[in-house]
Amino acid sequence: MGNKLHARVSEFRDSKVIKEKGLYPYFRPIESGQDTEVIIHGKKVLMFGSNSYLGLTNHPKVVEAAREAITKYGTGCAGSRFLNGTLDIHEELEEKLAVYTGKGAAVLFSTGFQANLGALSCITGRNDYLILDDANHASIIDGSRLSFSKVVKYQHNNMADLRNKLRNLPEDAIKLIATDGIFSMEGDIVKLPEMVKVAEEFGANIMVDDAHSLGVIGTDGAGTASHFGLTDKADLIMGTFSKSFASLGGFIAADAETIEFLKHRARSLMFSASMTPSSVASVLACLEIVQTEPEHIEKLWANTHYAKKLLLECGFDLGRTESPILPIYIRDNEKTFHITKLLQEDGVFVNPVVSPAVHTSDSLIRFSLMATHTFDQIEEAVDKMAKAYKQIYSYPVTETV
């Protein structure tokens, strides 16, 4: 049995092929904090591949909150929320998140991935339906795979296709539409107003994954439903803390009855250790900053508009992005790896996104902004991006002035 298993895993060649070409771009060790500039192999590199949209990972208030929590509670909770792992600060954060998102209650998970996994695997039954955007995050897909419900996919952000899919489903079945709020690779925002109309037409419910929306859009960064003024129409709101909230963990916010159900049925909650005290305290500090210091979100958007302007002036294809996630479409896997390597060598960290994460024809470099980036850093990165592009392609891209 052991030899058969070894033979099977030895057949995996995807990473080996890229490594042999000297283009492997993953698991790059960073030797400093997650900031606009990081240290890799002892050298300074501009970071344009981070999800720390508000740049709060090194904020003094956040760091101090984490320190104080460790001093008071120690480093871990040694159990699940369901049993011995609930602290008073877990409940405090849940109460504040419910108010923040405009829902009746909230429940914390150890990671954002587990939040989607736990909710989607149990919220609907064998005769029900989960309806997914085909560009949804992997955690939504994996959560639906664990569900006994039937899964239907519709074309990305295409409300006409969503309507056609819903039209063919049984009227008496529960139908839950699960969607990203801001799509993590494309950077566009779900067409929630249209989705609500379609959902109401067919008696469907809506779950919004706000992993990339919290701290970015909506009142005080409260997310997609807040952005559109449709908080009461989103039945479940999911969020993560590993991005704008500078920590680790996730949550689901909904009405009190739904949260009570999840607390006793979501296996990734019941059978996983709870969020560490320092993680919870960090989120509480970030939540306070976001709600009292609007300049962070304002600066994030100023940086986003400036970077987008420069990249478009250079002639780059950014697709339909509406967010601090700027996808620079290369549309060729190997060229995407080449450009990533050239940028790394030139002191700019970006993330390559290739198949199977996206179709080969949609391969891209994910260029993401932080509130703490300076305009000078953005200009330098865009110039180096244009320079790397010219080294790979024969036709020119204009460099910024």
Protein backbone atom coordinates (compact mmCIF):
# COMPACT_ATOMS: atom_id res chain seq x y z
CA MET A 1 0.00 0.00 0.00
CA GLY A 2 2.79 2.38 0.88
CA ASN A 3 4.51 1.89 -2.45
CA LYS A 4 1.27 2.51 -4.36
CA LEU A 5 0.69 5.73 -2.46
CA HIS A 6 4.26 6.87 -3.08
CA ALA A 7 3.92 6.03 -6.77
CA ARG A 8 0.80 8.13 -7.00
CA VAL A 9 2.20 11.24 -5.34
CA SER A 10 5.42 10.87 -7.34
CA GLU A 11 3.37 11.38 -10.49
CA PHE A 12 2.62 14.95 -9.43
CA ARG A 13 4.77 17.08 -11.73
CA ASP A 14 3.12 20.50 -11.81
CA SER A 15 5.46 22.22 -9.35
CA LYS A 16 8.53 20.26 -10.51
CA VAL A 17 8.16 21.49 -14.08
CA ILE A 18 8.04 25.13 -12.99
CA LYS A 19 10.96 24.64 -10.59
CA GLU A 20 13.08 23.07 -13.33
CA LYS A 21 12.50 26.19 -15.44
CA GLY A 22 13.57 28.41 -12.54
CA LEU A 23 10.15 30.09 -12.43
CA TYR A 24 8.61 28.70 -9.23
CA PRO A 25 6.90 31.66 -7.45
CA TYR A 26 5.29 30.09 -4.40
CA PHE A 27 6.18 29.72 -0.71
CA ARG A 28 8.58 32.68 -0.85
CA PRO A 29 9.87 33.18 2.73
CA ILE A 30 9.45 36.72 4.06
CA GLU A 31 11.85 37.75 6.80
CA SER A 32 9.92 40.78 8.12
CA GLY A 33 6.44 42.00 8.98
CA GLN A 34 3.69 42.18 6.36
CA ASP A 35 4.16 45.81 5.32
CA THR A 36 4.45 47.82 2.10
CA GLU A 37 8.11 46.84 2.05
CA VAL A 38 9.32 43.39 3.16
CA ILE A 39 12.63 41.58 3.39
CA ILE A 40 13.23 38.52 1.20
CA HIS A 41 16.66 36.86 1.22
CA GLY A 42 18.01 39.90 3.02
CA LYS A 43 16.81 42.35 0.36
CA LYS A 44 14.06 44.99 0.48
CA VAL A 45 11.11 44.24 -1.80
CA LEU A 46 8.00 46.34 -2.43
CA MET A 47 4.93 44.32 -1.39
CA PHE A 48 2.06 44.46 -3.88
CA GLY A 49 0.80 40.96 -3.17
CA SER A 50 -0.70 41.37 0.28
CA ASN A 51 -4.33 41.23 1.41
CA SER A 52 -3.64 43.63 4.29
CA TYR A 53 -5.73 46.27 2.57
CA LEU A 54 -5.68 48.75 5.43
CA GLY A 55 -2.06 48.05 6.39
CA LEU A 56 -2.94 47.42 10.04
CA THR A 57 -0.75 44.37 10.70
CA ASN A 58 1.90 46.58 12.30
CA HIS A 59 -0.39 49.26 13.74
CA PRO A 60 0.72 50.04 17.34
CA LYS A 61 -2.81 49.67 18.75
CA VAL A 62 -3.24 46.27 17.12
CA VAL A 63 0.15 44.98 18.23
CA GLU A 64 -0.39 46.18 21.79
CA ALA A 65 -3.85 44.58 21.95
CA ALA A 66 -2.34 41.24 20.92
CA ARG A 67 0.38 41.54 23.56
CA GLU A 68 -2.11 42.33 26.31
CA ALA A 69 -4.31 39.38 25.33
CA ILE A 70 -1.40 36.96 25.51
CA THR A 71 -0.45 38.31 28.93
CA LYS A 72 -4.00 37.83 30.23
CA TYR A 73 -5.16 34.67 28.44
CA GLY A 74 -2.00 32.92 27.24
CA THR A 75 -1.31 31.80 23.69
CA GLY A 76 -4.24 29.47 23.00
CA CYS A 77 -7.65 28.27 24.16
CA ALA A 78 -6.89 24.51 24.20
CA GLY A 79 -10.29 23.51 22.86
CA SER A 80 -13.25 24.31 20.65
CA ARG A 81 -15.79 27.04 21.20
CA PHE A 82 -18.38 24.30 21.76
CA LEU A 83 -16.59 23.00 24.85
CA ASN A 84 -13.85 24.80 26.82
CA GLY A 85 -12.58 27.26 24.20
CA THR A 86 -14.97 30.21 24.59
CA LEU A 87 -13.49 33.35 26.14
CA ASP A 88 -15.32 36.50 27.13
CA ILE A 89 -13.55 38.34 24.31
CA HIS A 90 -14.94 35.83 21.76
CA GLU A 91 -18.44 36.83 22.81
CA GLU A 92 -17.52 40.51 22.88
CA LEU A 93 -16.26 40.35 19.30
CA GLU A 94 -19.34 38.44 18.14
CA GLU A 95 -21.62 41.08 19.62
CA LYS A 96 -19.67 43.91 18.00
CA LEU A 97 -19.58 42.14 14.62
CA ALA A 98 -23.34 41.68 14.69
CA VAL A 99 -23.80 45.41 15.21
CA TYR A 100 -21.11 46.26 12.64
CA THR A 101 -22.68 44.13 9.90
CA GLY A 102 -26.25 45.04 10.86
CA LYS A 103 -27.32 41.47 11.65
CA GLY A 104 -28.92 39.92 14.72
CA ALA A 105 -25.97 37.77 15.80
CA ALA A 106 -22.57 36.43 14.75
CA VAL A 107 -20.38 33.41 15.44
CA LEU A 108 -16.58 33.15 15.16
CA PHE A 109 -14.64 30.45 13.33
CA SER A 110 -10.89 29.72 13.51
CA THR A 111 -10.38 30.76 9.87
CA GLY A 112 -12.43 32.28 7.08
CA PHE A 113 -12.13 29.04 5.12
CA GLN A 114 -13.70 27.15 8.03
CA ALA A 115 -16.52 29.68 8.23
CA ASN A 116 -17.61 28.90 4.67
CA LEU A 117 -16.89 25.21 5.11
CA GLY A 118 -18.97 25.00 8.28
CA ALA A 119 -21.93 27.07 7.16
CA LEU A 120 -22.36 25.72 3.64
CA SER A 121 -21.91 22.09 4.63
CA CYS A 122 -24.88 22.14 7.02
CA ILE A 123 -27.23 25.05 6.29
CA THR A 124 -29.18 23.30 3.51
CA GLY A 125 -30.41 19.69 3.22
CA ARG A 126 -30.49 16.77 0.80
CA ASN A 127 -33.41 18.09 -1.24
CA ASP A 128 -32.15 21.68 -1.33
CA TYR A 129 -29.87 23.65 -3.64
CA LEU A 130 -26.69 25.69 -3.35
CA ILE A 131 -26.30 28.08 -6.28
CA LEU A 132 -22.75 29.31 -6.80
CA ASP A 133 -21.02 31.93 -8.96
CA ASP A 134 -18.39 30.04 -10.96
CA ALA A 135 -15.69 32.49 -9.80
CA ASN A 136 -16.37 31.92 -6.09
CA HIS A 137 -13.55 31.29 -3.62
CA ALA A 138 -12.36 27.71 -3.08
CA SER A 139 -13.79 27.68 0.45
CA ILE A 140 -17.31 28.15 -0.93
CA ILE A 141 -16.74 25.36 -3.43
CA ASP A 142 -15.36 23.00 -0.80
CA GLY A 143 -18.17 23.84 1.63
CA SER A 144 -20.72 22.97 -1.04
CA ARG A 145 -18.93 19.66 -1.72
CA LEU A 146 -19.41 18.66 1.92
CA SER A 147 -23.11 19.47 1.75
CA PHE A 148 -25.73 16.86 0.88
CA SER A 149 -27.45 19.53 -1.20
CA LYS A 150 -27.40 19.71 -4.97
CA VAL A 151 -24.98 22.29 -6.40
CA VAL A 152 -25.73 24.52 -9.39
CA LYS A 153 -23.27 27.02 -10.87
CA TYR A 154 -24.02 30.12 -12.90
CA GLN A 155 -21.75 32.25 -15.09
CA HIS A 156 -19.66 34.80 -13.25
CA ASN A 157 -21.75 37.77 -12.07
CA ASN A 158 -24.31 37.00 -14.78
CA MET A 159 -27.73 37.64 -13.31
CA ALA A 160 -29.54 36.50 -16.45
CA ASP A 161 -27.86 33.10 -16.17
CA LEU A 162 -28.64 33.00 -12.45
CA ARG A 163 -32.32 33.60 -13.26
CA ASN A 164 -32.29 30.81 -15.83
CA LYS A 165 -30.74 28.39 -13.34
CA LEU A 166 -33.24 29.28 -10.59
CA ARG A 167 -36.17 28.99 -12.99
CA ASN A 168 -35.50 25.26 -13.38
CA LEU A 169 -35.33 24.45 -9.65
CA PRO A 170 -38.22 23.10 -7.54
CA GLU A 171 -40.35 25.83 -6.04
CA ASP A 172 -40.57 24.17 -2.61
CA ALA A 173 -36.81 23.54 -2.19
CA ILE A 174 -34.51 25.80 -0.17
CA LYS A 175 -32.31 27.67 -2.65
CA LEU A 176 -29.24 29.44 -1.22
CA ILE A 177 -27.20 31.65 -3.54
CA ALA A 178 -23.61 31.88 -2.26
CA THR A 179 -21.34 34.52 -3.75
CA ASP A 180 -18.18 36.49 -3.14
CA GLY A 181 -18.80 40.16 -2.40
CA ILE A 182 -15.57 41.35 -4.03
CA PHE A 183 -14.19 38.55 -6.16
CA SER A 184 -10.69 37.70 -4.97
CA MET A 185 -8.99 37.43 -8.37
CA GLU A 186 -11.11 39.50 -10.74
CA GLY A 187 -11.62 42.38 -8.28
CA ASP A 188 -15.18 43.11 -9.39
CA ILE A 189 -18.15 43.46 -7.03
CA VAL A 190 -21.18 41.18 -7.07
CA LYS A 191 -24.25 42.74 -8.67
CA LEU A 192 -26.15 42.47 -5.42
CA PRO A 193 -29.11 44.75 -6.27
CA GLU A 194 -29.91 42.62 -9.33
CA MET A 195 -29.26 39.42 -7.39
CA VAL A 196 -31.74 40.44 -4.70
CA LYS A 197 -34.46 40.98 -7.32
CA VAL A 198 -33.78 37.57 -8.87
CA ALA A 199 -33.69 35.87 -5.46
CA GLU A 200 -37.01 37.39 -4.43
CA GLU A 201 -38.55 36.33 -7.73
CA PHE A 202 -37.74 32.68 -7.05
CA GLY A 203 -37.86 32.59 -3.25
CA ALA A 204 -34.10 32.12 -2.84
CA ASN A 205 -31.81 33.18 -0.01
CA ILE A 206 -28.44 34.94 -0.30
CA MET A 207 -25.08 34.41 1.43
CA VAL A 208 -22.31 36.95 0.76
CA ASP A 209 -18.63 36.16 1.34
CA ASP A 210 -17.13 39.51 2.40
CA ALA A 211 -13.55 38.28 2.84
CA HIS A 212 -12.22 40.96 0.48
CA SER A 213 -14.99 43.50 1.17
CA LEU A 214 -14.67 44.12 4.91
CA GLY A 215 -12.66 47.25 5.56
CA VAL A 216 -12.90 48.13 1.87
CA ILE A 217 -16.51 48.99 0.92
CA GLY A 218 -19.68 49.88 2.81
CA THR A 219 -20.26 52.17 5.81
CA ASP A 220 -17.06 52.03 7.90
CA GLY A 221 -16.00 49.17 5.64
CA ALA A 222 -18.93 46.97 6.73
CA GLY A 223 -19.01 45.11 3.42
CA THR A 224 -21.01 44.50 0.28
CA ALA A 225 -24.55 44.53 1.64
CA SER A 226 -23.82 47.78 3.46
CA HIS A 227 -22.28 49.21 0.28
CA PHE A 228 -25.55 48.70 -1.60
CA GLY A 229 -27.87 49.45 1.34
CA LEU A 230 -29.17 45.88 1.24
CA THR A 231 -28.10 44.51 4.63
CA ASP A 232 -31.57 43.13 5.35
CA LYS A 233 -31.54 41.22 2.03
CA ALA A 234 -28.32 39.28 2.69
CA ASP A 235 -29.41 36.35 4.86
CA LEU A 236 -25.86 35.37 5.80
CA ILE A 237 -22.74 37.53 5.74
CA MET A 238 -19.37 35.82 6.02
CA GLY A 239 -16.11 37.62 6.72
CA THR A 240 -12.45 36.95 7.42
CA PHE A 241 -9.90 38.65 9.66
CA SER A 242 -6.76 37.77 7.71
CA LYS A 243 -7.05 40.72 5.35
CA SER A 244 -8.20 44.21 6.38
CA PHE A 245 -8.49 43.09 10.00
CA ALA A 246 -4.83 42.09 10.26
CA SER A 247 -5.33 38.84 12.13
CA LEU A 248 -6.62 35.29 11.62
CA GLY A 249 -10.14 33.89 11.85
CA GLY A 250 -13.58 34.30 10.34
CA PHE A 251 -17.26 34.70 11.15
CA ILE A 252 -20.81 34.30 9.98
CA ALA A 253 -23.37 37.02 10.77
CA ALA A 254 -27.09 36.38 10.34
CA ASP A 255 -30.33 36.39 12.34
CA ALA A 256 -30.13 34.91 15.83
CA GLU A 257 -31.93 31.68 14.87
CA THR A 258 -29.51 30.95 12.02
CA ILE A 259 -26.50 31.57 14.23
CA GLU A 260 -27.93 29.28 16.94
CA PHE A 261 -28.33 26.57 14.30
CA LEU A 262 -24.76 26.98 13.06
CA LYS A 263 -23.33 26.90 16.59
CA HIS A 264 -24.79 23.40 16.98
CA ARG A 265 -24.41 22.01 13.46
CA ALA A 266 -21.30 23.54 11.82
CA ARG A 267 -18.67 20.84 12.31
CA SER A 268 -15.70 23.10 11.50
CA LEU A 269 -16.79 25.21 14.48
CA MET A 270 -17.66 22.40 16.87
CA PHE A 271 -14.55 20.32 16.22
CA SER A 272 -11.84 22.96 15.74
CA ALA A 273 -9.90 24.88 18.36
CA SER A 274 -11.18 28.42 18.80
CA MET A 275 -9.50 31.63 17.67
CA THR A 276 -6.43 32.41 19.78
CA PRO A 277 -6.72 35.27 22.31
CA SER A 278 -4.21 37.44 20.46
CA SER A 279 -6.12 37.00 17.19
CA VAL A 280 -9.42 38.02 18.78
CA ALA A 281 -7.87 41.05 20.51
CA SER A 282 -6.23 42.13 17.25
CA VAL A 283 -9.58 42.08 15.46
CA LEU A 284 -11.25 44.07 18.24
CA ALA A 285 -8.53 46.71 17.90
CA CYS A 286 -8.87 46.79 14.10
CA LEU A 287 -12.65 47.09 14.34
CA GLU A 288 -12.28 50.12 16.59
CA ILE A 289 -9.73 51.71 14.22
CA VAL A 290 -11.92 51.16 11.17
CA GLN A 291 -14.96 52.70 12.86
CA THR A 292 -13.15 55.73 14.31
CA GLU A 293 -10.44 56.50 11.76
CA PRO A 294 -12.00 56.72 8.27
CA GLU A 295 -8.75 58.01 6.78
CA HIS A 296 -7.46 54.45 6.38
CA ILE A 297 -10.20 53.45 3.94
CA GLU A 298 -9.98 56.83 2.22
CA LYS A 299 -6.24 56.36 1.63
CA LEU A 300 -6.78 52.81 0.37
CA TRP A 301 -9.13 54.12 -2.29
CA ALA A 302 -6.85 57.03 -3.20
CA ASN A 303 -4.05 54.52 -3.76
CA THR A 304 -6.36 52.24 -5.72
CA HIS A 305 -7.51 54.98 -8.09
CA TYR A 306 -3.93 56.20 -8.61
CA ALA A 307 -2.49 52.76 -9.33
CA LYS A 308 -5.36 51.89 -11.65
CA LYS A 309 -4.88 55.15 -13.55
CA LEU A 310 -1.15 54.50 -14.04
CA LEU A 311 -1.62 50.88 -15.11
CA LEU A 312 -4.32 51.79 -17.62
CA GLU A 313 -2.15 54.60 -19.01
CA CYS A 314 0.55 51.98 -19.54
CA GLY A 315 -1.88 49.94 -21.61
CA PHE A 316 -2.44 47.04 -19.22
CA ASP A 317 -5.67 45.03 -19.33
CA LEU A 318 -7.28 45.20 -15.87
CA GLY A 319 -10.55 43.54 -16.77
CA ARG A 320 -13.60 44.73 -14.81
CA THR A 321 -12.02 45.37 -11.42
CA GLU A 322 -13.79 47.78 -9.07
CA SER A 323 -11.60 47.31 -6.01
CA PRO A 324 -8.04 47.47 -4.60
CA ILE A 325 -7.48 44.11 -6.34
CA LEU A 326 -6.01 44.99 -9.74
CA PRO A 327 -5.72 41.95 -12.04
CA ILE A 328 -3.11 42.54 -14.74
CA TYR A 329 -4.10 40.03 -17.41
CA ILE A 330 -1.17 38.31 -19.11
CA ARG A 331 -3.25 35.44 -20.57
CA ASP A 332 -0.38 32.97 -20.69
CA ASN A 333 0.73 30.81 -17.75
CA GLU A 334 4.45 30.69 -18.46
CA LYS A 335 4.72 34.38 -19.33
CA THR A 336 2.90 35.17 -16.09
CA PHE A 337 5.57 33.22 -14.18
CA HIS A 338 8.36 34.94 -16.14
CA ILE A 339 7.07 38.43 -15.38
CA THR A 340 6.62 37.54 -11.71
CA LYS A 341 10.24 36.38 -11.54
CA LEU A 342 11.54 39.51 -13.27
CA LEU A 343 9.61 41.71 -10.86
CA GLN A 344 10.91 39.77 -7.86
CA GLU A 345 14.48 40.25 -9.09
CA ASP A 346 13.72 43.95 -9.54
CA GLY A 347 12.33 44.34 -6.03
CA VAL A 348 8.56 44.00 -6.47
CA PHE A 349 6.46 41.20 -4.98
CA VAL A 350 3.27 40.28 -6.86
CA ASN A 351 1.18 37.11 -7.08
CA PRO A 352 0.83 35.07 -10.28
CA VAL A 353 -2.59 33.50 -10.83
CA VAL A 354 -2.62 30.71 -13.41
CA SER A 355 -4.67 27.65 -14.31
CA PRO A 356 -6.36 25.79 -12.72
CA ALA A 357 -7.17 28.76 -10.44
CA VAL A 358 -8.26 30.57 -13.62
CA HIS A 359 -8.40 29.53 -17.26
CA THR A 360 -5.02 29.75 -19.02
CA SER A 361 -6.51 32.47 -21.23
CA ASP A 362 -7.26 34.46 -18.06
CA SER A 363 -3.90 34.05 -16.28
CA LEU A 364 -2.95 37.24 -14.50
CA ILE A 365 -0.73 39.02 -12.07
CA ARG A 366 -2.64 40.04 -8.96
CA PHE A 367 -1.52 43.55 -8.00
CA SER A 368 -3.14 44.62 -4.71
CA LEU A 369 -3.09 47.91 -2.85
CA MET A 370 -2.69 48.80 0.83
CA ALA A 371 -3.68 52.04 2.54
CA THR A 372 -0.08 52.42 3.70
CA HIS A 373 1.45 52.42 0.21
CA THR A 374 2.87 55.77 -0.91
CA PHE A 375 2.34 57.20 -4.38
CA ASP A 376 6.12 56.93 -4.92
CA GLN A 377 5.99 53.20 -4.18
CA ILE A 378 3.08 52.76 -6.59
CA GLU A 379 4.91 54.65 -9.35
CA GLU A 380 8.04 52.57 -8.86
CA ALA A 381 6.11 49.31 -8.97
CA VAL A 382 4.13 50.25 -12.08
CA ASP A 383 7.31 51.34 -13.90
CA LYS A 384 8.97 48.04 -13.05
CA MET A 385 5.86 46.18 -14.15
CA ALA A 386 6.02 47.88 -17.55
CA LYS A 387 9.74 47.14 -17.79
CA ALA A 388 9.22 43.43 -17.03
CA TYR A 389 6.37 43.22 -19.53
CA LYS A 390 8.60 44.67 -22.27
CA GLN A 391 11.24 42.03 -21.58
CA ILE A 392 8.72 39.27 -22.28
CA TYR A 393 6.65 40.77 -25.10
CA SER A 394 7.87 42.43 -28.28
CA TYR A 395 5.15 45.10 -28.40
CA PRO A 396 5.59 48.04 -26.01
CA VAL A 397 3.83 49.05 -22.86
CA THR A 398 4.23 52.70 -21.95
CA GLU A 399 6.15 53.38 -18.75
CA THR A 400 4.86 56.00 -16.35
CA VAL A 401 6.60 59.36 -16.09
